[in-house]
Structure formats: structure tokens, C-alpha cells
All heavy atoms as atom14 arrays in JSON, in Angstrom:
{
  "sequence": "FCLLALPWLTRWLRFPAAALQTLQHPVQASFYPTFSIALLVLAAQW",
  "atom14_mask": [
    [1, 1, 1, 1, 1, 1, 1, 1, 1, 1, 1, 0, 0, 0],
    [1, 1, 1, 1, 1, 1, 0, 0, 0, 0, 0, 0, 0, 0],
    [1, 1, 1, 1, 1, 1, 1, 1, 0, 0, 0, 0, 0, 0],
    [1, 1, 1, 1, 1, 1, 1, 1, 0, 0, 0, 0, 0, 0],
    [1, 1, 1, 1, 1, 0, 0, 0, 0, 0, 0, 0, 0, 0],
    [1, 1, 1, 1, 1, 1, 1, 1, 0, 0, 0, 0, 0, 0],
    [1, 1, 1, 1, 1, 1, 1, 0, 0, 0, 0, 0, 0, 0],
    [1, 1, 1, 1, 1, 1, 1, 1, 1, 1, 1, 1, 1, 1],
    [1, 1, 1, 1, 1, 1, 1, 1, 0, 0, 0, 0, 0, 0],
    [1, 1, 1, 1, 1, 1, 1, 0, 0, 0, 0, 0, 0, 0],
    [1, 1, 1, 1, 1, 1, 1, 1, 1, 1, 1, 0, 0, 0],
    [1, 1, 1, 1, 1, 1, 1, 1, 1, 1, 1, 1, 1, 1],
    [1, 1, 1, 1, 1, 1, 1, 1, 0, 0, 0, 0, 0, 0],
    [1, 1, 1, 1, 1, 1, 1, 1, 1, 1, 1, 0, 0, 0],
    [1, 1, 1, 1, 1, 1, 1, 1, 1, 1, 1, 0, 0, 0],
    [1, 1, 1, 1, 1, 1, 1, 0, 0, 0, 0, 0, 0, 0],
    [1, 1, 1, 1, 1, 0, 0, 0, 0, 0, 0, 0, 0, 0],
    [1, 1, 1, 1, 1, 0, 0, 0, 0, 0, 0, 0, 0, 0],
    [1, 1, 1, 1, 1, 0, 0, 0, 0, 0, 0, 0, 0, 0],
    [1, 1, 1, 1, 1, 1, 1, 1, 0, 0, 0, 0, 0, 0],
    [1, 1, 1, 1, 1, 1, 1, 1, 1, 0, 0, 0, 0, 0],
    [1, 1, 1, 1, 1, 1, 1, 0, 0, 0, 0, 0, 0, 0],
    [1, 1, 1, 1, 1, 1, 1, 1, 0, 0, 0, 0, 0, 0],
    [1, 1, 1, 1, 1, 1, 1, 1, 1, 0, 0, 0, 0, 0],
    [1, 1, 1, 1, 1, 1, 1, 1, 1, 1, 0, 0, 0, 0],
    [1, 1, 1, 1, 1, 1, 1, 0, 0, 0, 0, 0, 0, 0],
    [1, 1, 1, 1, 1, 1, 1, 0, 0, 0, 0, 0, 0, 0],
    [1, 1, 1, 1, 1, 1, 1, 1, 1, 0, 0, 0, 0, 0],
    [1, 1, 1, 1, 1, 0, 0, 0, 0, 0, 0, 0, 0, 0],
    [1, 1, 1, 1, 1, 1, 0, 0, 0, 0, 0, 0, 0, 0],
    [1, 1, 1, 1, 1, 1, 1, 1, 1, 1, 1, 0, 0, 0],
    [1, 1, 1, 1, 1, 1, 1, 1, 1, 1, 1, 1, 0, 0],
    [1, 1, 1, 1, 1, 1, 1, 0, 0, 0, 0, 0, 0, 0],
    [1, 1, 1, 1, 1, 1, 1, 0, 0, 0, 0, 0, 0, 0],
    [1, 1, 1, 1, 1, 1, 1, 1, 1, 1, 1, 0, 0, 0],
    [1, 1, 1, 1, 1, 1, 0, 0, 0, 0, 0, 0, 0, 0],
    [1, 1, 1, 1, 1, 1, 1, 1, 0, 0, 0, 0, 0, 0],
    [1, 1, 1, 1, 1, 0, 0, 0, 0, 0, 0, 0, 0, 0],
    [1, 1, 1, 1, 1, 1, 1, 1, 0, 0, 0, 0, 0, 0],
    [1, 1, 1, 1, 1, 1, 1, 1, 0, 0, 0, 0, 0, 0],
    [1, 1, 1, 1, 1, 1, 1, 0, 0, 0, 0, 0, 0, 0],
    [1, 1, 1, 1, 1, 1, 1, 1, 0, 0, 0, 0, 0, 0],
    [1, 1, 1, 1, 1, 0, 0, 0, 0, 0, 0, 0, 0, 0],
    [1, 1, 1, 1, 1, 0, 0, 0, 0, 0, 0, 0, 0, 0],
    [1, 1, 1, 1, 1, 1, 1, 1, 1, 0, 0, 0, 0, 0],
    [1, 1, 1, 1, 1, 1, 1, 1, 1, 1, 1, 1, 1, 1]
  ],
  "atom14_positions": [
    [[156.03, 134.74, 188.03], [156.1, 136.22, 188.03], [155.27, 136.79, 186.9], [154.55, 137.78, 187.08], [157.58, 136.63, 187.87], [157.74, 138.13, 187.7], [157.75, 138.96, 188.81], [157.86, 138.7, 186.45], [157.89, 140.31, 188.67], [158.02, 140.08, 186.29], [158.02, 140.88, 187.41], [0.0, 0.0, 0.0], [0.0, 0.0, 0.0], [0.0, 0.0, 0.0]],
    [[155.37, 136.21, 185.7], [154.61, 136.73, 184.56], [153.1, 136.63, 184.83], [152.33, 137.55, 184.49], [155.0, 135.96, 183.29], [156.69, 136.21, 182.75], [0.0, 0.0, 0.0], [0.0, 0.0, 0.0], [0.0, 0.0, 0.0], [0.0, 0.0, 0.0], [0.0, 0.0, 0.0], [0.0, 0.0, 0.0], [0.0, 0.0, 0.0], [0.0, 0.0, 0.0]],
    [[152.68, 135.51, 185.44], [151.28, 135.3, 185.74], [150.75, 136.35, 186.73], [149.68, 136.94, 186.55], [151.08, 133.91, 186.31], [149.62, 133.53, 186.68], [148.72, 133.5, 185.46], [149.61, 132.15, 187.39], [0.0, 0.0, 0.0], [0.0, 0.0, 0.0], [0.0, 0.0, 0.0], [0.0, 0.0, 0.0], [0.0, 0.0, 0.0], [0.0, 0.0, 0.0]],
    [[151.55, 136.56, 187.78], [151.1, 137.53, 188.79], [151.22, 138.97, 188.37], [150.49, 139.84, 188.84], [151.94, 137.35, 190.08], [151.78, 136.01, 190.82], [152.74, 135.93, 191.99], [150.34, 135.78, 191.26], [0.0, 0.0, 0.0], [0.0, 0.0, 0.0], [0.0, 0.0, 0.0], [0.0, 0.0, 0.0], [0.0, 0.0, 0.0], [0.0, 0.0, 0.0]],
    [[152.12, 139.23, 187.39], [152.29, 140.61, 186.92], [151.04, 141.09, 186.15], [150.75, 142.33, 186.14], [153.51, 140.68, 186.01], [0.0, 0.0, 0.0], [0.0, 0.0, 0.0], [0.0, 0.0, 0.0], [0.0, 0.0, 0.0], [0.0, 0.0, 0.0], [0.0, 0.0, 0.0], [0.0, 0.0, 0.0], [0.0, 0.0, 0.0], [0.0, 0.0, 0.0]],
    [[150.26, 140.19, 185.6], [149.09, 140.61, 184.83], [148.05, 141.32, 185.71], [147.7, 142.47, 185.39], [148.45, 139.38, 184.17], [149.2, 138.82, 182.95], [148.53, 137.53, 182.46], [149.27, 139.82, 181.81], [0.0, 0.0, 0.0], [0.0, 0.0, 0.0], [0.0, 0.0, 0.0], [0.0, 0.0, 0.0], [0.0, 0.0, 0.0], [0.0, 0.0, 0.0]],
    [[147.55, 140.75, 186.77], [146.61, 141.49, 187.62], [147.24, 142.66, 188.33], [146.59, 143.66, 188.59], [146.06, 140.42, 188.61], [147.1, 139.37, 188.6], [147.72, 139.37, 187.24], [0.0, 0.0, 0.0], [0.0, 0.0, 0.0], [0.0, 0.0, 0.0], [0.0, 0.0, 0.0], [0.0, 0.0, 0.0], [0.0, 0.0, 0.0], [0.0, 0.0, 0.0]],
    [[148.55, 142.53, 188.65], [149.23, 143.67, 189.36], [149.28, 144.89, 188.47], [148.94, 146.01, 188.9], [150.65, 143.22, 189.75], [151.35, 144.14, 190.7], [151.33, 144.07, 192.08], [152.22, 145.21, 190.37], [152.12, 145.04, 192.62], [152.69, 145.77, 191.6], [152.66, 145.77, 189.18], [153.54, 146.86, 191.64], [153.51, 146.85, 189.21], [153.97, 147.38, 190.47]],
    [[149.69, 144.71, 187.23], [149.76, 145.83, 186.31], [148.37, 146.33, 185.92], [148.13, 147.52, 185.74], [150.51, 145.42, 185.05], [152.04, 145.18, 185.26], [152.66, 144.58, 183.97], [152.75, 146.45, 185.63], [0.0, 0.0, 0.0], [0.0, 0.0, 0.0], [0.0, 0.0, 0.0], [0.0, 0.0, 0.0], [0.0, 0.0, 0.0], [0.0, 0.0, 0.0]],
    [[147.42, 145.39, 185.77], [146.04, 145.76, 185.45], [145.48, 146.67, 186.52], [144.71, 147.61, 186.23], [145.17, 144.53, 185.26], [145.72, 143.71, 184.22], [143.74, 144.88, 184.95], [0.0, 0.0, 0.0], [0.0, 0.0, 0.0], [0.0, 0.0, 0.0], [0.0, 0.0, 0.0], [0.0, 0.0, 0.0], [0.0, 0.0, 0.0], [0.0, 0.0, 0.0]],
    [[145.78, 146.36, 187.77], [145.26, 147.17, 188.89], [145.77, 148.59, 188.74], [145.0, 149.56, 188.92], [145.69, 146.56, 190.21], [145.02, 147.25, 191.43], [145.41, 146.56, 192.7], [144.53, 146.98, 193.78], [144.97, 147.42, 194.96], [146.25, 147.5, 195.23], [144.11, 147.79, 195.88], [0.0, 0.0, 0.0], [0.0, 0.0, 0.0], [0.0, 0.0, 0.0]],
    [[147.02, 148.78, 188.41], [147.6, 150.12, 188.33], [147.04, 150.87, 187.11], [146.82, 152.09, 187.15], [149.11, 150.06, 188.22], [149.77, 149.9, 189.53], [150.32, 148.75, 190.06], [150.01, 150.93, 190.48], [150.83, 149.0, 191.29], [150.65, 150.33, 191.62], [149.71, 152.29, 190.56], [150.99, 151.07, 192.71], [150.06, 153.01, 191.7], [150.72, 152.39, 192.76]],
    [[146.72, 150.13, 186.02], [146.23, 150.78, 184.79], [144.75, 151.06, 184.81], [144.27, 152.12, 184.37], [146.6, 149.9, 183.58], [148.08, 149.75, 183.31], [148.32, 148.73, 182.17], [148.68, 151.08, 182.9], [0.0, 0.0, 0.0], [0.0, 0.0, 0.0], [0.0, 0.0, 0.0], [0.0, 0.0, 0.0], [0.0, 0.0, 0.0], [0.0, 0.0, 0.0]],
    [[143.96, 150.05, 185.35], [142.49, 150.2, 185.32], [141.89, 150.75, 186.62], [140.83, 151.36, 186.61], [141.87, 148.85, 185.0], [142.06, 148.37, 183.57], [141.22, 147.15, 183.3], [139.79, 147.41, 183.53], [138.88, 146.47, 183.5], [139.23, 145.21, 183.31], [137.6, 146.78, 183.73], [0.0, 0.0, 0.0], [0.0, 0.0, 0.0], [0.0, 0.0, 0.0]],
    [[142.62, 150.48, 187.73], [142.07, 150.89, 189.03], [143.12, 151.65, 189.82], [143.5, 151.25, 190.93], [141.6, 149.66, 189.85], [140.69, 148.71, 189.07], [141.18, 147.56, 188.52], [139.37, 149.07, 188.88], [140.36, 146.73, 187.79], [138.51, 148.22, 188.15], [139.0, 147.02, 187.61], [0.0, 0.0, 0.0], [0.0, 0.0, 0.0], [0.0, 0.0, 0.0]],
    [[143.65, 152.72, 189.29], [144.7, 153.45, 189.97], [144.31, 154.0, 191.31], [145.14, 154.11, 192.24], [145.06, 154.58, 188.99], [143.84, 154.73, 188.14], [143.25, 153.38, 188.01], [0.0, 0.0, 0.0], [0.0, 0.0, 0.0], [0.0, 0.0, 0.0], [0.0, 0.0, 0.0], [0.0, 0.0, 0.0], [0.0, 0.0, 0.0], [0.0, 0.0, 0.0]],
    [[143.04, 154.37, 191.49], [142.61, 154.91, 192.77], [142.77, 153.84, 193.88], [143.21, 154.13, 195.01], [141.17, 155.38, 192.69], [0.0, 0.0, 0.0], [0.0, 0.0, 0.0], [0.0, 0.0, 0.0], [0.0, 0.0, 0.0], [0.0, 0.0, 0.0], [0.0, 0.0, 0.0], [0.0, 0.0, 0.0], [0.0, 0.0, 0.0], [0.0, 0.0, 0.0]],
    [[142.37, 152.61, 193.54], [142.52, 151.51, 194.5], [143.99, 151.24, 194.82], [144.37, 151.01, 195.98], [141.82, 150.26, 193.99], [0.0, 0.0, 0.0], [0.0, 0.0, 0.0], [0.0, 0.0, 0.0], [0.0, 0.0, 0.0], [0.0, 0.0, 0.0], [0.0, 0.0, 0.0], [0.0, 0.0, 0.0], [0.0, 0.0, 0.0], [0.0, 0.0, 0.0]],
    [[144.83, 151.27, 193.77], [146.24, 151.01, 193.97], [146.9, 152.08, 194.83], [147.69, 151.81, 195.73], [146.94, 150.88, 192.63], [0.0, 0.0, 0.0], [0.0, 0.0, 0.0], [0.0, 0.0, 0.0], [0.0, 0.0, 0.0], [0.0, 0.0, 0.0], [0.0, 0.0, 0.0], [0.0, 0.0, 0.0], [0.0, 0.0, 0.0], [0.0, 0.0, 0.0]],
    [[146.54, 153.32, 194.59], [147.1, 154.43, 195.37], [146.59, 154.42, 196.81], [147.3, 154.78, 197.74], [146.77, 155.76, 194.68], [147.5, 156.03, 193.35], [146.92, 157.26, 192.71], [148.99, 156.17, 193.59], [0.0, 0.0, 0.0], [0.0, 0.0, 0.0], [0.0, 0.0, 0.0], [0.0, 0.0, 0.0], [0.0, 0.0, 0.0], [0.0, 0.0, 0.0]],
    [[145.34, 154.01, 196.97], [144.77, 153.92, 198.32], [145.57, 152.95, 199.19], [145.8, 153.18, 200.37], [143.29, 153.58, 198.28], [142.61, 153.58, 199.63], [141.14, 153.22, 199.55], [140.7, 152.66, 198.55], [140.38, 153.52, 200.56], [0.0, 0.0, 0.0], [0.0, 0.0, 0.0], [0.0, 0.0, 0.0], [0.0, 0.0, 0.0], [0.0, 0.0, 0.0]],
    [[145.95, 151.83, 198.54], [146.74, 150.83, 199.3], [148.08, 151.36, 199.72], [148.62, 150.92, 200.74], [146.92, 149.58, 198.39], [145.64, 149.09, 197.97], [147.6, 148.47, 199.18], [0.0, 0.0, 0.0], [0.0, 0.0, 0.0], [0.0, 0.0, 0.0], [0.0, 0.0, 0.0], [0.0, 0.0, 0.0], [0.0, 0.0, 0.0], [0.0, 0.0, 0.0]],
    [[148.65, 152.31, 198.97], [149.91, 152.91, 199.34], [149.85, 153.61, 200.69], [150.89, 153.87, 201.31], [150.38, 153.88, 198.27], [151.18, 153.33, 197.08], [151.45, 154.42, 196.1], [152.48, 152.68, 197.58], [0.0, 0.0, 0.0], [0.0, 0.0, 0.0], [0.0, 0.0, 0.0], [0.0, 0.0, 0.0], [0.0, 0.0, 0.0], [0.0, 0.0, 0.0]],
    [[148.66, 153.98, 201.12], [148.52, 154.72, 202.38], [147.97, 153.8, 203.5], [147.67, 154.25, 204.59], [147.59, 155.91, 202.2], [148.11, 156.88, 201.19], [147.29, 158.16, 201.07], [146.97, 158.82, 202.05], [146.87, 158.47, 199.85], [0.0, 0.0, 0.0], [0.0, 0.0, 0.0], [0.0, 0.0, 0.0], [0.0, 0.0, 0.0], [0.0, 0.0, 0.0]],
    [[147.81, 152.51, 203.19], [147.33, 151.56, 204.18], [148.44, 151.3, 205.18], [149.62, 151.11, 204.8], [146.88, 150.27, 203.51], [146.14, 149.33, 204.41], [146.77, 148.51, 205.33], [144.83, 149.09, 204.57], [145.9, 147.8, 205.98], [144.69, 148.13, 205.56], [0.0, 0.0, 0.0], [0.0, 0.0, 0.0], [0.0, 0.0, 0.0], [0.0, 0.0, 0.0]],
    [[148.18, 151.24, 206.47], [149.26, 151.11, 207.49], [150.01, 149.78, 207.43], [151.11, 149.66, 207.95], [148.5, 151.28, 208.84], [147.08, 150.96, 208.51], [146.88, 151.43, 207.11], [0.0, 0.0, 0.0], [0.0, 0.0, 0.0], [0.0, 0.0, 0.0], [0.0, 0.0, 0.0], [0.0, 0.0, 0.0], [0.0, 0.0, 0.0], [0.0, 0.0, 0.0]],
    [[149.39, 148.73, 206.83], [150.01, 147.4, 206.76], [150.33, 147.02, 205.34], [151.43, 146.7, 205.0], [149.14, 146.32, 207.46], [149.81, 144.96, 207.28], [148.96, 146.65, 208.93], [0.0, 0.0, 0.0], [0.0, 0.0, 0.0], [0.0, 0.0, 0.0], [0.0, 0.0, 0.0], [0.0, 0.0, 0.0], [0.0, 0.0, 0.0], [0.0, 0.0, 0.0]],
    [[149.32, 147.07, 204.49], [149.46, 146.56, 203.11], [150.47, 147.32, 202.29], [151.11, 146.75, 201.37], [148.08, 146.59, 202.4], [147.07, 145.6, 202.96], [145.79, 145.64, 202.17], [145.76, 145.96, 201.0], [144.68, 145.27, 202.84], [0.0, 0.0, 0.0], [0.0, 0.0, 0.0], [0.0, 0.0, 0.0], [0.0, 0.0, 0.0], [0.0, 0.0, 0.0]],
    [[150.69, 148.63, 202.57], [151.62, 149.38, 201.77], [153.03, 148.82, 201.83], [153.79, 148.9, 200.87], [151.65, 150.84, 202.27], [0.0, 0.0, 0.0], [0.0, 0.0, 0.0], [0.0, 0.0, 0.0], [0.0, 0.0, 0.0], [0.0, 0.0, 0.0], [0.0, 0.0, 0.0], [0.0, 0.0, 0.0], [0.0, 0.0, 0.0], [0.0, 0.0, 0.0]],
    [[153.39, 148.23, 202.95], [154.74, 147.69, 203.13], [155.01, 146.51, 202.17], [156.19, 146.14, 201.97], [154.94, 147.23, 204.57], [154.88, 148.3, 205.46], [0.0, 0.0, 0.0], [0.0, 0.0, 0.0], [0.0, 0.0, 0.0], [0.0, 0.0, 0.0], [0.0, 0.0, 0.0], [0.0, 0.0, 0.0], [0.0, 0.0, 0.0], [0.0, 0.0, 0.0]],
    [[153.94, 145.93, 201.6], [154.15, 144.74, 200.74], [154.28, 145.12, 199.27], [154.58, 144.25, 198.47], [152.99, 143.76, 200.94], [152.99, 143.12, 202.3], [152.27, 143.63, 203.35], [153.75, 141.98, 202.54], [152.26, 143.05, 204.61], [153.77, 141.38, 203.78], [153.05, 141.94, 204.83], [0.0, 0.0, 0.0], [0.0, 0.0, 0.0], [0.0, 0.0, 0.0]],
    [[154.04, 146.38, 198.92], [154.22, 146.76, 197.52], [155.62, 146.48, 197.03], [155.8, 146.02, 195.88], [153.89, 148.25, 197.35], [152.51, 148.51, 196.77], [151.6, 149.35, 197.42], [152.09, 147.92, 195.59], [150.34, 149.58, 196.94], [150.83, 148.13, 195.06], [149.96, 148.98, 195.76], [148.7, 149.18, 195.22], [0.0, 0.0, 0.0], [0.0, 0.0, 0.0]],
    [[156.68, 146.75, 197.8], [158.02, 146.49, 197.3], [158.37, 145.02, 197.07], [159.47, 144.75, 196.59], [158.92, 147.13, 198.37], [158.05, 148.13, 199.05], [156.71, 147.51, 199.07], [0.0, 0.0, 0.0], [0.0, 0.0, 0.0], [0.0, 0.0, 0.0], [0.0, 0.0, 0.0], [0.0, 0.0, 0.0], [0.0, 0.0, 0.0], [0.0, 0.0, 0.0]],
    [[157.48, 144.1, 197.45], [157.77, 142.71, 197.11], [157.89, 142.55, 195.58], [158.59, 141.61, 195.11], [156.71, 141.76, 197.68], [155.42, 142.11, 197.14], [156.68, 141.79, 199.19], [0.0, 0.0, 0.0], [0.0, 0.0, 0.0], [0.0, 0.0, 0.0], [0.0, 0.0, 0.0], [0.0, 0.0, 0.0], [0.0, 0.0, 0.0], [0.0, 0.0, 0.0]],
    [[157.18, 143.4, 194.83], [157.29, 143.33, 193.35], [158.72, 143.63, 192.92], [159.31, 142.9, 192.11], [156.31, 144.34, 192.74], [156.33, 144.32, 191.23], [155.56, 143.42, 190.52], [157.09, 145.26, 190.53], [155.54, 143.4, 189.13], [157.11, 145.25, 189.14], [156.35, 144.35, 188.42], [0.0, 0.0, 0.0], [0.0, 0.0, 0.0], [0.0, 0.0, 0.0]],
    [[159.31, 144.74, 193.43], [160.67, 145.08, 193.01], [161.7, 144.13, 193.55], [162.67, 143.82, 192.87], [160.97, 146.52, 193.44], [160.69, 146.73, 194.83], [0.0, 0.0, 0.0], [0.0, 0.0, 0.0], [0.0, 0.0, 0.0], [0.0, 0.0, 0.0], [0.0, 0.0, 0.0], [0.0, 0.0, 0.0], [0.0, 0.0, 0.0], [0.0, 0.0, 0.0]],
    [[161.49, 143.61, 194.76], [162.43, 142.61, 195.31], [162.35, 141.34, 194.47], [163.39, 140.69, 194.22], [162.14, 142.32, 196.78], [162.33, 143.56, 197.62], [163.03, 141.21, 197.28], [161.98, 143.38, 199.1], [0.0, 0.0, 0.0], [0.0, 0.0, 0.0], [0.0, 0.0, 0.0], [0.0, 0.0, 0.0], [0.0, 0.0, 0.0], [0.0, 0.0, 0.0]],
    [[161.17, 140.96, 194.01], [161.02, 139.79, 193.16], [161.84, 139.96, 191.88], [162.49, 139.03, 191.4], [159.54, 139.59, 192.78], [0.0, 0.0, 0.0], [0.0, 0.0, 0.0], [0.0, 0.0, 0.0], [0.0, 0.0, 0.0], [0.0, 0.0, 0.0], [0.0, 0.0, 0.0], [0.0, 0.0, 0.0], [0.0, 0.0, 0.0], [0.0, 0.0, 0.0]],
    [[161.86, 141.2, 191.33], [162.71, 141.45, 190.12], [164.19, 141.29, 190.42], [164.92, 140.7, 189.62], [162.44, 142.89, 189.64], [161.1, 143.14, 188.97], [160.89, 144.64, 188.82], [161.0, 142.47, 187.61], [0.0, 0.0, 0.0], [0.0, 0.0, 0.0], [0.0, 0.0, 0.0], [0.0, 0.0, 0.0], [0.0, 0.0, 0.0], [0.0, 0.0, 0.0]],
    [[164.61, 141.73, 191.62], [166.03, 141.52, 191.99], [166.35, 140.08, 192.2], [167.47, 139.65, 191.87], [166.31, 142.37, 193.25], [166.14, 143.88, 193.12], [166.26, 144.57, 194.47], [167.19, 144.46, 192.14], [0.0, 0.0, 0.0], [0.0, 0.0, 0.0], [0.0, 0.0, 0.0], [0.0, 0.0, 0.0], [0.0, 0.0, 0.0], [0.0, 0.0, 0.0]],
    [[165.44, 139.31, 192.77], [165.65, 137.88, 192.94], [165.73, 137.17, 191.6], [166.57, 136.31, 191.38], [164.56, 137.28, 193.83], [164.64, 135.74, 193.84], [164.61, 137.84, 195.24], [0.0, 0.0, 0.0], [0.0, 0.0, 0.0], [0.0, 0.0, 0.0], [0.0, 0.0, 0.0], [0.0, 0.0, 0.0], [0.0, 0.0, 0.0], [0.0, 0.0, 0.0]],
    [[164.85, 137.59, 190.66], [164.88, 137.03, 189.33], [166.2, 137.34, 188.63], [166.73, 136.53, 187.85], [163.71, 137.52, 188.5], [162.36, 136.93, 188.87], [161.2, 137.7, 188.19], [162.29, 135.46, 188.44], [0.0, 0.0, 0.0], [0.0, 0.0, 0.0], [0.0, 0.0, 0.0], [0.0, 0.0, 0.0], [0.0, 0.0, 0.0], [0.0, 0.0, 0.0]],
    [[166.74, 138.51, 188.87], [168.04, 138.86, 188.3], [169.13, 137.91, 188.76], [169.94, 137.42, 187.99], [168.44, 140.32, 188.67], [0.0, 0.0, 0.0], [0.0, 0.0, 0.0], [0.0, 0.0, 0.0], [0.0, 0.0, 0.0], [0.0, 0.0, 0.0], [0.0, 0.0, 0.0], [0.0, 0.0, 0.0], [0.0, 0.0, 0.0], [0.0, 0.0, 0.0]],
    [[169.07, 137.59, 190.07], [170.04, 136.6, 190.62], [169.83, 135.26, 190.02], [170.78, 134.5, 189.73], [169.91, 136.56, 192.15], [0.0, 0.0, 0.0], [0.0, 0.0, 0.0], [0.0, 0.0, 0.0], [0.0, 0.0, 0.0], [0.0, 0.0, 0.0], [0.0, 0.0, 0.0], [0.0, 0.0, 0.0], [0.0, 0.0, 0.0], [0.0, 0.0, 0.0]],
    [[168.55, 134.87, 189.79], [168.28, 133.56, 189.16], [168.81, 133.48, 187.74], [169.49, 132.49, 187.4], [166.76, 133.35, 189.1], [166.13, 133.01, 190.43], [164.65, 132.77, 190.26], [163.82, 133.27, 191.04], [164.23, 131.99, 189.26], [0.0, 0.0, 0.0], [0.0, 0.0, 0.0], [0.0, 0.0, 0.0], [0.0, 0.0, 0.0], [0.0, 0.0, 0.0]],
    [[168.59, 134.51, 186.93], [169.04, 134.49, 185.55], [170.58, 134.47, 185.49], [171.15, 133.84, 184.59], [168.51, 135.7, 184.78], [167.06, 135.48, 184.36], [165.95, 135.84, 185.1], [166.58, 134.9, 183.16], [164.8, 135.49, 184.39], [165.18, 134.94, 183.21], [167.21, 134.39, 182.03], [164.37, 134.44, 182.19], [166.41, 133.89, 180.98], [165.01, 133.91, 181.07]]
  ]
}
């Protein structure tokens, strides 16, 4: 999670236009919440 969070957060900070464009993609936008679900799964793990 920590490894993948680096490019994920970098995209939002350095390339916000690209990140926001994905939010309107008919398929890829649905996968954004995998980040928040991953946090909930990690909560269960801890």
C-alpha cells in the first residue's frame, strides 16, 4: 500500500488535470474507490 500510494498521491499533486479527467472516464472512474476500500481492508488487518 505504501509503495502504490507514492505514484497515486503524486498524480493528484503534480498532474491533477489527468487525475480529474479519469474521474469522468466511463470505466476507469469506477476503480478510484479501490484506494479507499484498500484503507478499510487495512483497518481490518490491523
